[in-house]
Amino acid sequence: MKKYLPFIIIVLVLAAAVGGFTMLWKNNNGGGNGNSTFTTTNQPASPGSTASQSPAALPGSTRPNVKVSSPVVIEEYGDYQCPPCGQLYPELKQIEAEYRDQVRVVFHHFPLTKMHKNAMAAARAAEAARNQNKFWEMHDRLYVNQKAWAEVADPLPTFLSYARELKLDVGRFQSDMSSNEVDQRILADMQKGAAAGVTGTPTVFLDSNMLRYEATNVEGMRQGINLLLSRKATS
């Protein structure tokens, strides 16, 4: 038996190597939806989810120079007090700058009120600013200055200072922050997100395709956008 042992070991090693190569080949070339950037079901992406296909199989990170039938819609479900949302904010700005009219960004409120005490107040501030056509300007201030208001006992004075900077009617802004209309808009976003499988923030959709947790970054968004642009390309 001992004299055959080296040959048995060699056979086992070769078998393992062939099996590993076969699995890798299947993962890189096999079925599925052909795109590891997106989730394959309507379930929310999570840190524990794994890609079934190599990102190398996706289009590259260079913005394709193509005419498209319509822009790729980037929908973010976010919480203004959420640190990962704050980290994603400049990355989304970078994507907007790179792709310009090939993408359209939409923000949906999904404040995690059990975790973030000032998240709902911040969402109300953004919606109150929307009533005076300054939603994105307030949105930017809330994320850029997240650390300045996130943990304060009362963020209202800070939000009022942002309203003054934006030259809003501050009295109307404060009244709108506590209005039922604003609360209903935020609630509608939250209900829409929950129906789509959103359970945490940030959650990003590209043309209704939910990005995987590990792809929710500049490179993951580029790959997903490039794939969708290639499908939308017109002659």
Protein backbone atom coordinates (compact mmCIF):
# COMPACT_ATOMS: atom_id res chain seq x y z
CA MET A 1 0.00 0.00 0.00
CA LYS A 2 2.83 2.40 0.90
CA LYS A 3 4.44 2.07 -2.52
CA TYR A 4 1.19 3.20 -4.22
CA LEU A 5 0.57 6.08 -1.80
CA PRO A 6 2.47 8.74 -3.86
CA PHE A 7 0.45 7.83 -6.95
CA ILE A 8 -2.85 8.04 -5.03
CA ILE A 9 -1.92 11.51 -3.71
CA ILE A 10 -1.03 12.71 -7.24
CA VAL A 11 -4.36 11.45 -8.60
CA LEU A 12 -6.30 13.17 -5.81
CA VAL A 13 -4.47 16.49 -6.36
CA LEU A 14 -5.12 16.35 -10.10
CA ALA A 15 -8.79 15.56 -9.52
CA ALA A 16 -9.15 18.50 -7.16
CA ALA A 17 -7.43 20.81 -9.64
CA VAL A 18 -9.69 19.71 -12.49
CA GLY A 19 -12.77 20.08 -10.31
CA GLY A 20 -11.73 23.56 -9.23
CA PHE A 21 -11.08 24.63 -12.81
CA THR A 22 -14.45 23.25 -13.89
CA MET A 23 -16.27 25.18 -11.14
CA LEU A 24 -14.43 28.37 -12.04
CA TRP A 25 -15.27 27.96 -15.71
CA LYS A 26 -18.94 27.38 -14.90
CA ASN A 27 -19.03 30.41 -12.64
CA ASN A 28 -17.46 32.60 -15.30
CA ASN A 29 -19.37 31.25 -18.28
CA GLY A 30 -22.41 29.47 -16.98
CA GLY A 31 -26.08 30.37 -16.54
CA GLY A 32 -27.77 32.92 -14.35
CA ASN A 33 -28.63 36.41 -15.50
CA GLY A 34 -25.13 37.03 -16.84
CA ASN A 35 -24.51 39.91 -14.46
CA SER A 36 -23.01 39.71 -10.98
CA THR A 37 -23.61 43.39 -10.34
CA PHE A 38 -27.35 42.99 -9.81
CA THR A 39 -29.28 40.80 -7.41
CA THR A 40 -31.00 37.90 -9.14
CA THR A 41 -34.19 38.05 -7.09
CA ASN A 42 -36.36 40.72 -5.52
CA GLN A 43 -34.59 40.17 -2.22
CA PRO A 44 -32.43 42.94 -0.75
CA ALA A 45 -28.69 42.67 -1.18
CA SER A 46 -26.73 41.93 1.96
CA PRO A 47 -23.09 41.80 3.09
CA GLY A 48 -23.29 38.01 3.05
CA SER A 49 -24.43 37.69 -0.56
CA THR A 50 -21.96 36.32 -3.10
CA ALA A 51 -21.47 36.90 -6.81
CA SER A 52 -22.05 33.91 -9.09
CA GLN A 53 -20.08 35.34 -12.00
CA SER A 54 -16.75 37.07 -12.37
CA PRO A 55 -16.98 40.86 -12.73
CA ALA A 56 -14.53 40.44 -15.63
CA ALA A 57 -17.44 39.12 -17.69
CA LEU A 58 -19.14 42.52 -17.43
CA PRO A 59 -18.49 45.55 -19.66
CA GLY A 60 -15.47 47.59 -18.59
CA SER A 61 -15.43 50.70 -16.47
CA THR A 62 -14.98 53.11 -19.40
CA ARG A 63 -18.12 55.08 -20.21
CA PRO A 64 -19.40 53.81 -23.58
CA ASN A 65 -19.70 56.53 -26.22
CA VAL A 66 -23.12 55.52 -27.51
CA LYS A 67 -26.44 57.18 -28.15
CA VAL A 68 -29.16 55.70 -25.99
CA SER A 69 -32.94 55.56 -26.22
CA SER A 70 -33.29 56.78 -22.62
CA PRO A 71 -30.98 57.46 -19.67
CA VAL A 72 -30.25 54.82 -17.05
CA VAL A 73 -32.30 55.72 -13.98
CA ILE A 74 -30.31 55.49 -10.74
CA GLU A 75 -32.64 55.24 -7.76
CA GLU A 76 -31.19 55.51 -4.28
CA TYR A 77 -33.11 54.68 -1.13
CA GLY A 78 -31.22 56.65 1.48
CA ASP A 79 -31.14 57.91 5.04
CA TYR A 80 -29.45 61.28 5.53
CA GLN A 81 -27.97 60.22 8.88
CA CYS A 82 -26.68 56.86 7.57
CA PRO A 83 -22.83 56.91 7.41
CA PRO A 84 -22.62 54.54 4.39
CA CYS A 85 -25.11 56.80 2.58
CA GLY A 86 -22.83 59.73 3.34
CA GLN A 87 -19.92 57.78 1.87
CA LEU A 88 -21.92 56.90 -1.25
CA TYR A 89 -22.98 60.52 -1.82
CA PRO A 90 -19.70 61.72 -3.45
CA GLU A 91 -19.52 58.51 -5.47
CA LEU A 92 -22.95 59.18 -6.96
CA LYS A 93 -21.84 62.73 -7.73
CA GLN A 94 -18.82 61.27 -9.52
CA ILE A 95 -21.04 58.96 -11.57
CA GLU A 96 -23.30 61.89 -12.51
CA ALA A 97 -20.30 63.91 -13.66
CA GLU A 98 -18.94 61.02 -15.73
CA TYR A 99 -22.14 59.94 -17.44
CA ARG A 100 -23.94 63.28 -17.66
CA ASP A 101 -27.15 62.91 -19.72
CA GLN A 102 -26.77 59.12 -19.92
CA VAL A 103 -28.03 58.77 -16.33
CA ARG A 104 -30.78 60.29 -14.21
CA VAL A 105 -30.57 60.16 -10.42
CA VAL A 106 -33.67 59.83 -8.23
CA PHE A 107 -33.55 59.91 -4.43
CA HIS A 108 -36.11 58.14 -2.25
CA HIS A 109 -36.36 58.62 1.49
CA PHE A 110 -35.84 55.57 3.69
CA PRO A 111 -35.03 56.97 7.16
CA LEU A 112 -34.05 54.26 9.65
CA THR A 113 -35.69 55.98 12.58
CA LYS A 114 -34.92 53.25 15.12
CA MET A 115 -31.20 53.68 14.48
CA HIS A 116 -30.89 57.35 13.52
CA LYS A 117 -32.74 59.82 15.70
CA ASN A 118 -32.43 62.78 13.32
CA ALA A 119 -33.00 60.95 10.03
CA MET A 120 -36.71 61.77 9.80
CA ALA A 121 -36.14 65.44 10.58
CA ALA A 122 -33.52 65.59 7.83
CA ALA A 123 -35.90 63.97 5.34
CA ARG A 124 -38.52 66.55 6.28
CA ALA A 125 -36.00 69.34 5.73
CA ALA A 126 -35.24 68.05 2.22
CA GLU A 127 -38.93 67.77 1.36
CA ALA A 128 -39.70 71.20 2.80
CA ALA A 129 -36.94 72.61 0.58
CA ARG A 130 -38.50 70.80 -2.39
CA ASN A 131 -41.63 72.93 -1.88
CA GLN A 132 -39.43 75.91 -2.78
CA ASN A 133 -37.60 74.14 -5.62
CA LYS A 134 -34.41 73.60 -3.63
CA PHE A 135 -34.56 69.88 -2.87
CA TRP A 136 -31.16 68.96 -4.34
CA GLU A 137 -29.46 71.96 -2.77
CA MET A 138 -30.73 70.91 0.67
CA HIS A 139 -29.96 67.25 -0.11
CA ASP A 140 -26.33 68.18 -0.81
CA ARG A 141 -25.98 70.20 2.39
CA LEU A 142 -27.42 67.41 4.52
CA TYR A 143 -24.89 64.90 3.22
CA VAL A 144 -21.87 67.18 3.03
CA ASN A 145 -22.47 68.35 6.61
CA GLN A 146 -23.78 65.07 7.99
CA LYS A 147 -21.44 65.02 10.99
CA ALA A 148 -22.49 68.53 12.02
CA TRP A 149 -26.12 67.62 12.75
CA ALA A 150 -26.34 63.82 12.98
CA GLU A 151 -25.95 63.50 16.73
CA VAL A 152 -27.18 66.85 18.04
CA ALA A 153 -30.16 66.91 20.38
CA ASP A 154 -32.13 69.27 18.11
CA PRO A 155 -31.08 69.54 14.45
CA LEU A 156 -33.75 72.14 13.58
CA PRO A 157 -31.53 75.22 14.12
CA THR A 158 -28.94 73.71 11.77
CA PHE A 159 -31.56 72.97 9.13
CA LEU A 160 -32.94 76.50 9.45
CA SER A 161 -29.44 77.86 8.86
CA TYR A 162 -29.25 75.81 5.65
CA ALA A 163 -32.62 77.23 4.59
CA ARG A 164 -31.28 80.76 5.10
CA GLU A 165 -28.17 79.94 3.06
CA LEU A 166 -30.44 78.78 0.25
CA LYS A 167 -32.51 81.98 0.57
CA LEU A 168 -35.69 80.07 1.30
CA ASP A 169 -38.74 81.54 3.00
CA VAL A 170 -37.68 80.28 6.42
CA GLY A 171 -41.13 80.62 7.98
CA ARG A 172 -42.70 78.54 5.22
CA PHE A 173 -39.81 76.07 5.36
CA GLN A 174 -40.31 75.47 9.10
CA SER A 175 -44.06 75.13 8.67
CA ASP A 176 -43.67 72.67 5.79
CA MET A 177 -41.26 70.55 7.82
CA SER A 178 -44.11 69.73 10.21
CA SER A 179 -46.80 69.39 7.54
CA ASN A 180 -48.79 66.26 6.78
CA GLU A 181 -48.02 66.70 3.07
CA VAL A 182 -44.28 66.31 3.67
CA ASP A 183 -44.78 63.33 5.98
CA GLN A 184 -46.97 61.61 3.38
CA ARG A 185 -44.33 62.00 0.67
CA ILE A 186 -41.67 60.46 2.92
CA LEU A 187 -44.03 57.62 3.90
CA ALA A 188 -44.81 56.94 0.24
CA ASP A 189 -41.09 56.55 -0.49
CA MET A 190 -40.67 54.18 2.45
CA GLN A 191 -43.63 52.06 1.37
CA LYS A 192 -42.37 51.89 -2.20
CA GLY A 193 -38.93 50.83 -0.97
CA ALA A 194 -40.34 48.16 1.33
CA ALA A 195 -42.41 46.75 -1.55
CA ALA A 196 -39.25 46.57 -3.69
CA GLY A 197 -37.35 44.64 -1.02
CA VAL A 198 -35.41 47.48 0.57
CA THR A 199 -34.48 46.79 4.19
CA GLY A 200 -31.41 48.99 4.68
CA THR A 201 -29.55 51.95 3.30
CA PRO A 202 -28.10 52.78 0.95
CA THR A 203 -29.95 50.59 -1.54
CA VAL A 204 -29.46 51.45 -5.21
CA PHE A 205 -31.45 50.39 -8.26
CA LEU A 206 -30.35 50.84 -11.89
CA ASP A 207 -33.40 50.76 -14.16
CA SER A 208 -35.25 48.80 -11.44
CA ASN A 209 -32.37 46.30 -11.01
CA MET A 210 -31.21 46.23 -7.41
CA LEU A 211 -27.45 46.46 -7.02
CA ARG A 212 -25.80 43.82 -4.90
CA TYR A 213 -24.45 45.03 -1.58
CA GLU A 214 -20.84 44.54 -2.60
CA ALA A 215 -21.43 46.34 -5.92
CA THR A 216 -22.86 49.49 -4.34
CA ASN A 217 -19.80 51.60 -5.11
CA VAL A 218 -18.35 53.55 -8.05
CA GLU A 219 -17.00 50.50 -9.89
CA GLY A 220 -20.14 48.44 -9.36
CA MET A 221 -22.35 51.28 -10.58
CA ARG A 222 -20.13 51.80 -13.63
CA GLN A 223 -20.34 48.15 -14.58
CA GLY A 224 -24.10 48.06 -14.16
CA ILE A 225 -24.64 51.32 -16.04
CA ASN A 226 -22.37 50.24 -18.91
CA LEU A 227 -24.27 46.97 -19.25
CA LEU A 228 -27.60 48.80 -19.37
CA LEU A 229 -26.29 51.43 -21.78
CA SER A 230 -25.15 48.69 -24.14
CA ARG A 231 -28.69 47.34 -24.14
CA LYS A 232 -30.14 50.80 -24.79
CA ALA A 233 -27.68 51.70 -27.57
CA THR A 234 -29.24 53.05 -30.74
CA SER A 235 -27.68 53.24 -34.19
